[in-house]
PDB file of N, CA and C in Angstrom:
ATOM      1  N   MET A   1      75.397  75.039  63.220  1.00  0.00           N
ATOM      2  CA  MET A   1      74.614  75.147  62.158  1.00  0.00           C
ATOM      3  C   MET A   1      75.070  76.213  61.192  1.00  0.00           C
ATOM      4  N   VAL A   2      75.009  76.074  59.895  1.00  0.00           N
ATOM      5  CA  VAL A   2      75.546  76.886  59.268  1.00  0.00           C
ATOM      6  C   VAL A   2      74.479  77.060  57.866  1.00  0.00           C
ATOM      7  N   TYR A   3      74.256  78.332  57.618  1.00  0.00           N
ATOM      8  CA  TYR A   3      72.912  78.665  57.215  1.00  0.00           C
ATOM      9  C   TYR A   3      73.697  79.128  55.533  1.00  0.00           C
ATOM     10  N   THR A   4      73.207  78.962  54.570  1.00  0.00           N
ATOM     11  CA  THR A   4      73.313  79.152  53.187  1.00  0.00           C
ATOM     12  C   THR A   4      72.207  79.839  52.656  1.00  0.00           C
ATOM     13  N   ILE A   5      72.583  81.272  52.209  1.00  0.00           N
ATOM     14  CA  ILE A   5      71.582  82.023  51.560  1.00  0.00           C
ATOM     15  C   ILE A   5      71.649  82.475  50.237  1.00  0.00           C
ATOM     16  N   ILE A   6      70.949  82.112  49.255  1.00  0.00           N
ATOM     17  CA  ILE A   6      71.068  82.827  48.094  1.00  0.00           C
ATOM     18  C   ILE A   6      70.043  84.103  47.851  1.00  0.00           C
ATOM     19  N   VAL A   7      70.604  85.186  47.375  1.00  0.00           N
ATOM     20  CA  VAL A   7      69.924  86.343  47.172  1.00  0.00           C
ATOM     21  C   VAL A   7      69.957  86.756  45.957  1.00  0.00           C
ATOM     22  N   PHE A   8      68.803  86.537  45.146  1.00  0.00           N
ATOM     23  CA  PHE A   8      68.765  87.063  43.763  1.00  0.00           C
ATOM     24  C   PHE A   8      68.435  88.646  43.730  1.00  0.00           C
ATOM     25  N   TYR A   9      69.017  89.475  42.957  1.00  0.00           N
ATOM     26  CA  TYR A   9      68.355  90.838  42.801  1.00  0.00           C
ATOM     27  C   TYR A   9      68.200  91.484  41.404  1.00  0.00           C
ATOM     28  N   ARG A  10      67.644  92.279  41.383  1.00  0.00           N
ATOM     29  CA  ARG A  10      67.198  93.409  40.342  1.00  0.00           C
ATOM     30  C   ARG A  10      67.742  94.648  40.366  1.00  0.00           C
ATOM     31  N   PHE A  11      68.641  95.351  39.643  1.00  0.00           N
ATOM     32  CA  PHE A  11      68.971  96.510  39.725  1.00  0.00           C
ATOM     33  C   PHE A  11      68.003  97.484  39.226  1.00  0.00           C
ATOM     34  N   LYS A  12      68.009  98.868  39.638  1.00  0.00           N
ATOM     35  CA  LYS A  12      67.093  99.852  39.278  1.00  0.00           C
ATOM     36  C   LYS A  12      67.792 100.270  37.833  1.00  0.00           C
ATOM     37  N   GLU A  13      66.844 101.113  37.188  1.00  0.00           N
ATOM     38  CA  GLU A  13      68.077 101.692  36.202  1.00  0.00           C
ATOM     39  C   GLU A  13      68.792 102.804  36.501  1.00  0.00           C
ATOM     40  N   LEU A  14      70.280 102.941  36.133  1.00  0.00           N
ATOM     41  CA  LEU A  14      71.062 103.814  36.849  1.00  0.00           C
ATOM     42  C   LEU A  14      71.721 104.538  35.691  1.00  0.00           C
ATOM     43  N   THR A  15      71.892 105.816  36.179  1.00  0.00           N
ATOM     44  CA  THR A  15      72.777 106.722  35.204  1.00  0.00           C
ATOM     45  C   THR A  15      74.144 106.244  35.538  1.00  0.00           C
ATOM     46  N   ALA A  16      75.045 106.427  34.372  1.00  0.00           N
ATOM     47  CA  ALA A  16      76.562 106.306  34.880  1.00  0.00           C
ATOM     48  C   ALA A  16      77.046 106.558  35.910  1.00  0.00           C
ATOM     49  N   SER A  17      76.728 107.814  36.506  1.00  0.00           N
ATOM     50  CA  SER A  17      77.571 108.289  37.572  1.00  0.00           C
ATOM     51  C   SER A  17      76.630 107.336  38.844  1.00  0.00           C
ATOM     52  N   GLN A  18      75.624 107.202  38.746  1.00  0.00           N
ATOM     53  CA  GLN A  18      74.859 106.218  39.809  1.00  0.00           C
ATOM     54  C   GLN A  18      75.631 104.935  39.821  1.00  0.00           C
ATOM     55  N   GLU A  19      75.616 104.237  38.558  1.00  0.00           N
ATOM     56  CA  GLU A  19      76.517 103.146  38.632  1.00  0.00           C
ATOM     57  C   GLU A  19      77.874 102.750  39.163  1.00  0.00           C
ATOM     58  N   GLU A  20      78.616 104.219  39.126  1.00  0.00           N
ATOM     59  CA  GLU A  20      79.856 104.167  39.656  1.00  0.00           C
ATOM     60  C   GLU A  20      79.646 104.474  41.237  1.00  0.00           C
ATOM     61  N   LYS A  21      78.795 105.035  41.408  1.00  0.00           N
ATOM     62  CA  LYS A  21      78.521 105.441  42.994  1.00  0.00           C
ATOM     63  C   LYS A  21      78.221 103.669  43.739  1.00  0.00           C
ATOM     64  N   ALA A  22      77.268 103.181  43.073  1.00  0.00           N
ATOM     65  CA  ALA A  22      76.699 101.903  43.331  1.00  0.00           C
ATOM     66  C   ALA A  22      78.001 100.891  43.563  1.00  0.00           C
ATOM     67  N   ARG A  23      78.866 100.837  42.490  1.00  0.00           N
ATOM     68  CA  ARG A  23      79.954 100.066  42.356  1.00  0.00           C
ATOM     69  C   ARG A  23      80.910 100.662  43.649  1.00  0.00           C
ATOM     70  N   GLN A  24      81.187 101.619  43.744  1.00  0.00           N
ATOM     71  CA  GLN A  24      82.075 102.195  44.990  1.00  0.00           C
ATOM     72  C   GLN A  24      81.429 101.637  46.378  1.00  0.00           C
ATOM     73  N   GLU A  25      80.007 101.812  46.428  1.00  0.00           N
ATOM     74  CA  GLU A  25      79.308 101.411  47.899  1.00  0.00           C
ATOM     75  C   GLU A  25      79.441  99.808  47.787  1.00  0.00           C
ATOM     76  N   TRP A  26      79.583  99.012  46.734  1.00  0.00           N
ATOM     77  CA  TRP A  26      79.234  97.676  46.861  1.00  0.00           C
ATOM     78  C   TRP A  26      80.827  97.301  47.168  1.00  0.00           C
ATOM     79  N   ASN A  27      81.909  98.038  46.964  1.00  0.00           N
ATOM     80  CA  ASN A  27      83.345  97.411  47.249  1.00  0.00           C
ATOM     81  C   ASN A  27      83.452  97.917  48.698  1.00  0.00           C
ATOM     82  N   GLU A  28      82.785  98.934  49.341  1.00  0.00           N
ATOM     83  CA  GLU A  28      82.776  99.248  50.732  1.00  0.00           C
ATOM     84  C   GLU A  28      82.002  98.188  51.597  1.00  0.00           C
ATOM     85  N   ILE A  29      81.053  97.994  50.995  1.00  0.00           N
ATOM     86  CA  ILE A  29      80.178  96.870  51.716  1.00  0.00           C
ATOM     87  C   ILE A  29      80.850  95.727  52.085  1.00  0.00           C
ATOM     88  N   LYS A  30      81.345  94.983  50.694  1.00  0.00           N
ATOM     89  CA  LYS A  30      82.265  93.799  50.954  1.00  0.00           C
ATOM     90  C   LYS A  30      83.294  93.788  52.151  1.00  0.00           C
ATOM     91  N   GLY A  31      83.446  95.037  52.209  1.00  0.00           N
ATOM     92  CA  GLY A  31      85.034  95.246  53.363  1.00  0.00           C
ATOM     93  C   GLY A  31      84.234  95.398  54.937  1.00  0.00           C
ATOM     94  N   GLN A  32      82.903  95.571  55.006  1.00  0.00           N
ATOM     95  CA  GLN A  32      82.224  95.636  55.986  1.00  0.00           C
ATOM     96  C   GLN A  32      81.352  94.494  56.498  1.00  0.00           C
ATOM     97  N   LEU A  33      81.336  93.515  55.832  1.00  0.00           N
ATOM     98  CA  LEU A  33      80.722  92.344  56.351  1.00  0.00           C
ATOM     99  C   LEU A  33      80.482  91.890  58.021  1.00  0.00           C
ATOM    100  N   PRO A  34      79.744  91.931  58.574  1.00  0.00           N
ATOM    101  CA  PRO A  34      80.050  91.479  59.971  1.00  0.00           C
ATOM    102  C   PRO A  34      80.224  90.182  60.401  1.00  0.00           C
ATOM    103  N   GLU A  35      80.705  89.892  61.285  1.00  0.00           N
ATOM    104  CA  GLU A  35      81.535  89.104  61.807  1.00  0.00           C
ATOM    105  C   GLU A  35      80.110  87.632  61.701  1.00  0.00           C
ATOM    106  N   GLY A  36      80.523  86.513  61.285  1.00  0.00           N
ATOM    107  CA  GLY A  36      79.435  85.618  61.232  1.00  0.00           C
ATOM    108  C   GLY A  36      78.796  85.338  59.847  1.00  0.00           C
ATOM    109  N   VAL A  37      79.020  86.306  58.962  1.00  0.00           N
ATOM    110  CA  VAL A  37      78.454  86.548  57.462  1.00  0.00           C
ATOM    111  C   VAL A  37      79.677  86.539  56.691  1.00  0.00           C
ATOM    112  N   SER A  38      79.636  85.591  55.591  1.00  0.00           N
ATOM    113  CA  SER A  38      80.607  85.585  54.638  1.00  0.00           C
ATOM    114  C   SER A  38      79.881  85.486  53.091  1.00  0.00           C
ATOM    115  N   LEU A  39      80.402  86.302  52.379  1.00  0.00           N
ATOM    116  CA  LEU A  39      80.130  86.560  50.969  1.00  0.00           C
ATOM    117  C   LEU A  39      80.847  85.234  50.215  1.00  0.00           C
ATOM    118  N   ILE A  40      79.900  84.337  49.770  1.00  0.00           N
ATOM    119  CA  ILE A  40      81.007  83.011  49.179  1.00  0.00           C
ATOM    120  C   ILE A  40      81.029  83.447  47.633  1.00  0.00           C
ATOM    121  N   SER A  41      80.059  84.084  46.952  1.00  0.00           N
ATOM    122  CA  SER A  41      80.086  84.209  45.525  1.00  0.00           C
ATOM    123  C   SER A  41      79.165  85.757  44.916  1.00  0.00           C
ATOM    124  N   ASN A  42      79.706  86.239  44.282  1.00  0.00           N
ATOM    125  CA  ASN A  42      78.977  87.329  43.687  1.00  0.00           C
ATOM    126  C   ASN A  42      78.659  86.871  42.190  1.00  0.00           C
ATOM    127  N   ASN A  43      77.480  86.522  41.506  1.00  0.00           N
ATOM    128  CA  ASN A  43      77.260  86.191  40.291  1.00  0.00           C
ATOM    129  C   ASN A  43      76.716  87.336  39.565  1.00  0.00           C
ATOM    130  N   SER A  44      77.288  87.618  38.319  1.00  0.00           N
ATOM    131  CA  SER A  44      76.748  89.120  37.708  1.00  0.00           C
ATOM    132  C   SER A  44      75.356  88.508  36.690  1.00  0.00           C
ATOM    133  N   HIS A  45      75.311  87.360  36.514  1.00  0.00           N
ATOM    134  CA  HIS A  45      73.918  86.887  35.776  1.00  0.00           C
ATOM    135  C   HIS A  45      73.172  85.872  36.537  1.00  0.00           C
ATOM    136  N   ALA A  46      72.056  85.891  36.188  1.00  0.00           N
ATOM    137  CA  ALA A  46      71.300  84.660  36.787  1.00  0.00           C
ATOM    138  C   ALA A  46      70.309  84.173  35.412  1.00  0.00           C
ATOM    139  N   PHE A  47      71.306  83.540  34.312  1.00  0.00           N
ATOM    140  CA  PHE A  47      70.758  83.065  33.163  1.00  0.00           C
ATOM    141  C   PHE A  47      69.300  82.201  33.249  1.00  0.00           C
ATOM    142  N   GLY A  48      68.545  82.564  32.419  1.00  0.00           N
ATOM    143  CA  GLY A  48      67.196  81.876  32.299  1.00  0.00           C
ATOM    144  C   GLY A  48      66.131  82.098  33.403  1.00  0.00           C
ATOM    145  N   THR A  49      66.707  83.660  34.033  1.00  0.00           N
ATOM    146  CA  THR A  49      65.807  84.479  34.590  1.00  0.00           C
ATOM    147  C   THR A  49      65.654  85.753  34.524  1.00  0.00           C
ATOM    148  N   ASN A  50      64.750  86.629  35.138  1.00  0.00           N
ATOM    149  CA  ASN A  50      64.705  88.044  34.957  1.00  0.00           C
ATOM    150  C   ASN A  50      65.461  88.790  36.097  1.00  0.00           C
ATOM    151  N   TRP A  51      66.508  87.871  36.866  1.00  0.00           N
ATOM    152  CA  TRP A  51      67.246  88.765  37.813  1.00  0.00           C
ATOM    153  C   TRP A  51      68.556  89.181  37.234  1.00  0.00           C
ATOM    154  N   SER A  52      68.863  90.397  37.708  1.00  0.00           N
ATOM    155  CA  SER A  52      70.080  90.809  37.268  1.00  0.00           C
ATOM    156  C   SER A  52      71.629  89.873  37.633  1.00  0.00           C
ATOM    157  N   GLY A  53      71.364  89.436  38.863  1.00  0.00           N
ATOM    158  CA  GLY A  53      72.422  88.399  39.334  1.00  0.00           C
ATOM    159  C   GLY A  53      71.845  87.786  40.594  1.00  0.00           C
ATOM    160  N   PHE A  54      72.763  87.240  41.076  1.00  0.00           N
ATOM    161  CA  PHE A  54      72.735  86.788  42.874  1.00  0.00           C
ATOM    162  C   PHE A  54      73.944  86.442  43.420  1.00  0.00           C
ATOM    163  N   LEU A  55      73.947  86.547  44.745  1.00  0.00           N
ATOM    164  CA  LEU A  55      75.023  86.493  45.814  1.00  0.00           C
ATOM    165  C   LEU A  55      74.671  85.047  46.364  1.00  0.00           C
ATOM    166  N   ILE A  56      75.714  84.365  46.893  1.00  0.00           N
ATOM    167  CA  ILE A  56      75.770  83.437  47.899  1.00  0.00           C
ATOM    168  C   ILE A  56      76.473  83.740  49.095  1.00  0.00           C
ATOM    169  N   LEU A  57      75.675  83.678  49.990  1.00  0.00           N
ATOM    170  CA  LEU A  57      76.493  84.176  51.429  1.00  0.00           C
ATOM    171  C   LEU A  57      76.128  82.622  52.366  1.00  0.00           C
ATOM    172  N   GLU A  58      77.137  82.858  53.548  1.00  0.00           N
ATOM    173  CA  GLU A  58      77.012  81.814  54.492  1.00  0.00           C
ATOM    174  C   GLU A  58      76.743  82.588  55.919  1.00  0.00           C
ATOM    175  N   ALA A  59      76.095  82.142  56.981  1.00  0.00           N
ATOM    176  CA  ALA A  59      75.981  82.876  58.024  1.00  0.00           C
ATOM    177  C   ALA A  59      76.111  81.708  59.145  1.00  0.00           C
ATOM    178  N   ASN A  60      76.908  82.081  60.296  1.00  0.00           N
ATOM    179  CA  ASN A  60      77.101  81.038  61.299  1.00  0.00           C
ATOM    180  C   ASN A  60      75.935  80.759  61.895  1.00  0.00           C
ATOM    181  N   ASP A  61      75.139  81.727  62.077  1.00  0.00           N
ATOM    182  CA  ASP A  61      73.690  81.481  62.639  1.00  0.00           C
ATOM    183  C   ASP A  61      72.559  82.504  62.444  1.00  0.00           C
ATOM    184  N   PHE A  62      71.360  82.024  62.888  1.00  0.00           N
ATOM    185  CA  PHE A  62      70.411  82.953  62.091  1.00  0.00           C
ATOM    186  C   PHE A  62      69.996  84.360  62.367  1.00  0.00           C
ATOM    187  N   GLU A  63      70.538  84.614  63.693  1.00  0.00           N
ATOM    188  CA  GLU A  63      70.410  85.907  64.305  1.00  0.00           C
ATOM    189  C   GLU A  63      71.757  86.669  63.404  1.00  0.00           C
ATOM    190  N   SER A  64      72.669  86.353  63.392  1.00  0.00           N
ATOM    191  CA  SER A  64      73.786  87.064  62.489  1.00  0.00           C
ATOM    192  C   SER A  64      72.986  87.484  61.120  1.00  0.00           C
ATOM    193  N   TYR A  65      72.776  86.537  60.618  1.00  0.00           N
ATOM    194  CA  TYR A  65      72.024  86.759  59.481  1.00  0.00           C
ATOM    195  C   TYR A  65      70.888  88.010  59.034  1.00  0.00           C
ATOM    196  N   VAL A  66      70.138  87.711  60.016  1.00  0.00           N
ATOM    197  CA  VAL A  66      69.013  88.763  60.471  1.00  0.00           C
ATOM    198  C   VAL A  66      69.517  90.096  60.575  1.00  0.00           C
ATOM    199  N   LYS A  67      70.237  90.204  61.292  1.00  0.00           N
ATOM    200  CA  LYS A  67      70.979  91.745  61.742  1.00  0.00           C
ATOM    201  C   LYS A  67      71.802  91.975  60.731  1.00  0.00           C
ATOM    202  N   PHE A  68      72.419  91.417  59.793  1.00  0.00           N
ATOM    203  CA  PHE A  68      73.014  91.305  58.372  1.00  0.00           C
ATOM    204  C   PHE A  68      72.319  91.830  57.307  1.00  0.00           C
ATOM    205  N   TRP A  69      71.084  91.420  57.188  1.00  0.00           N
ATOM    206  CA  TRP A  69      70.202  91.365  56.483  1.00  0.00           C
ATOM    207  C   TRP A  69      69.630  92.873  56.342  1.00  0.00           C
ATOM    208  N   LYS A  70      69.148  93.253  57.438  1.00  0.00           N
ATOM    209  CA  LYS A  70      68.415  94.669  57.809  1.00  0.00           C
ATOM    210  C   LYS A  70      69.667  95.829  57.383  1.00  0.00           C
ATOM    211  N   TRP A  71      70.654  95.443  57.893  1.00  0.00           N
ATOM    212  CA  TRP A  71      71.869  96.495  57.379  1.00  0.00           C
ATOM    213  C   TRP A  71      72.202  96.575  55.964  1.00  0.00           C
ATOM    214  N   PHE A  72      72.182  95.244  55.385  1.00  0.00           N
ATOM    215  CA  PHE A  72      72.303  95.131  53.803  1.00  0.00           C
ATOM    216  C   PHE A  72      71.349  95.926  53.122  1.00  0.00           C
ATOM    217  N   LYS A  73      70.247  95.540  53.232  1.00  0.00           N
ATOM    218  CA  LYS A  73      68.982  96.053  52.515  1.00  0.00           C
ATOM    219  C   LYS A  73      69.269  97.631  52.638  1.00  0.00           C
ATOM    220  N   ASP A  74      69.323  98.020  53.979  1.00  0.00           N
ATOM    221  CA  ASP A  74      69.076  99.718  53.962  1.00  0.00           C
ATOM    222  C   ASP A  74      70.434 100.150  53.059  1.00  0.00           C
ATOM    223  N   LYS A  75      71.956  99.584  52.919  1.00  0.00           N
ATOM    224  CA  LYS A  75      72.587 100.044  52.081  1.00  0.00           C
ATOM    225  C   LYS A  75      72.442 100.049  50.635  1.00  0.00           C
ATOM    226  N   ILE A  76      71.881  99.048  50.238  1.00  0.00           N
ATOM    227  CA  ILE A  76      71.397  98.827  48.445  1.00  0.00           C
ATOM    228  C   ILE A  76      70.082  99.005  48.207  1.00  0.00           C
ATOM    229  N   ARG A  77      69.363  99.765  49.060  1.00  0.00           N
ATOM    230  CA  ARG A  77      68.088  99.894  48.739  1.00  0.00           C
ATOM    231  C   ARG A  77      67.772 100.916  47.404  1.00  0.00           C
ATOM    232  N   TRP A  78      68.803 101.874  47.729  1.00  0.00           N
ATOM    233  CA  TRP A  78      68.558 103.017  46.526  1.00  0.00           C
ATOM    234  C   TRP A  78      68.890 102.469  44.995  1.00  0.00           C
ATOM    235  N   TYR A  79      69.799 101.406  44.930  1.00  0.00           N
ATOM    236  CA  TYR A  79      69.801 100.906  43.509  1.00  0.00           C
ATOM    237  C   TYR A  79      69.462  99.600  43.263  1.00  0.00           C
ATOM    238  N   VAL A  80      69.024  98.782  44.309  1.00  0.00           N
ATOM    239  CA  VAL A  80      68.474  97.363  43.933  1.00  0.00           C
ATOM    240  C   VAL A  80      66.895  97.482  44.097  1.00  0.00           C
ATOM    241  N   ALA A  81      66.319  97.166  43.069  1.00  0.00           N
ATOM    242  CA  ALA A  81      64.645  97.459  43.111  1.00  0.00           C
ATOM    243  C   ALA A  81      63.977  96.491  43.769  1.00  0.00           C
ATOM    244  N   GLU A  82      64.462  95.079  43.676  1.00  0.00           N
ATOM    245  CA  GLU A  82      63.999  93.717  44.100  1.00  0.00           C
ATOM    246  C   GLU A  82      64.931  92.711  44.745  1.00  0.00           C
ATOM    247  N   THR A  83      64.522  91.563  45.714  1.00  0.00           N
ATOM    248  CA  THR A  83      65.307  91.084  45.981  1.00  0.00           C
ATOM    249  C   THR A  83      64.417  89.693  46.317  1.00  0.00           C
ATOM    250  N   GLN A  84      64.961  88.547  45.990  1.00  0.00           N
ATOM    251  CA  GLN A  84      64.313  87.327  46.578  1.00  0.00           C
ATOM    252  C   GLN A  84      65.418  86.292  47.270  1.00  0.00           C
ATOM    253  N   THR A  85      65.100  86.171  48.303  1.00  0.00           N
ATOM    254  CA  THR A  85      66.002  85.142  49.054  1.00  0.00           C
ATOM    255  C   THR A  85      65.580  83.760  49.281  1.00  0.00           C
ATOM    256  N   ILE A  86      66.415  82.866  49.210  1.00  0.00           N
ATOM    257  CA  ILE A  86      66.328  81.463  49.509  1.00  0.00           C
ATOM    258  C   ILE A  86      67.214  81.166  50.542  1.00  0.00           C
ATOM    259  N   ILE A  87      67.082  80.337  51.947  1.00  0.00           N
ATOM    260  CA  ILE A  87      67.674  80.124  52.765  1.00  0.00           C
ATOM    261  C   ILE A  87      67.759  78.760  53.138  1.00  0.00           C
ATOM    262  N   GLY A  88      68.817  78.134  53.359  1.00  0.00           N
ATOM    263  CA  GLY A  88      68.907  76.668  53.500  1.00  0.00           C
ATOM    264  C   GLY A  88      70.139  76.538  54.657  1.00  0.00           C
ATOM    265  N   ILE A  89      69.802  75.123  54.985  1.00  0.00           N
ATOM    266  CA  ILE A  89      70.898  74.611  56.274  1.00  0.00           C
ATOM    267  C   ILE A  89      72.025  73.919  55.451  1.00  0.00           C
ATOM    268  N   LYS A  90      73.064  74.332  55.620  1.00  0.00           N
ATOM    269  CA  LYS A  90      74.141  73.628  54.696  1.00  0.00           C
ATOM    270  C   LYS A  90      74.428  72.241  55.631  1.00  0.00           C
ATOM    271  N   ARG A  91      74.613  71.227  54.566  1.00  0.00           N
ATOM    272  CA  ARG A  91      74.888  69.892  54.937  1.00  0.00           C
ATOM    273  C   ARG A  91      76.463  69.800  55.197  1.00  0.00           C
ATOM    274  N   GLU A  92      76.991  69.127  56.064  1.00  0.00           N
ATOM    275  CA  GLU A  92      78.210  69.195  56.547  1.00  0.00           C
ATOM    276  C   GLU A  92      79.113  67.873  56.025  1.00  0.00           C
TER     277      GLU A  92
END
C-alpha cells in the first residue's frame, strides 16, 4: 500500500540571512529523505489559500511516514509556522 501525503505549509517571517539558511537546510533535507519516503513535488504557491506552498510526498508504508514526519518537523520547525497534512491511499 502506498500513501500519498499533501503537506501545506506557512513560513514564518524571516530575515534575508534566515531565508538563505532555510534554503540551504531544505536542500540538505531533500538529500536525506529516509528510505520508503519520496518527495514527488515541492510547490511554491497554493493559489486560492493562505498557505505559502505545499509538498506532495509518497510513503511505502505508514510507519515510514510517521518516522519521517517527526524527523522532518524537527528540522523545519524554526522557519515553518504551521502545517496541515492530508493523507490518502494511492489507487494503483
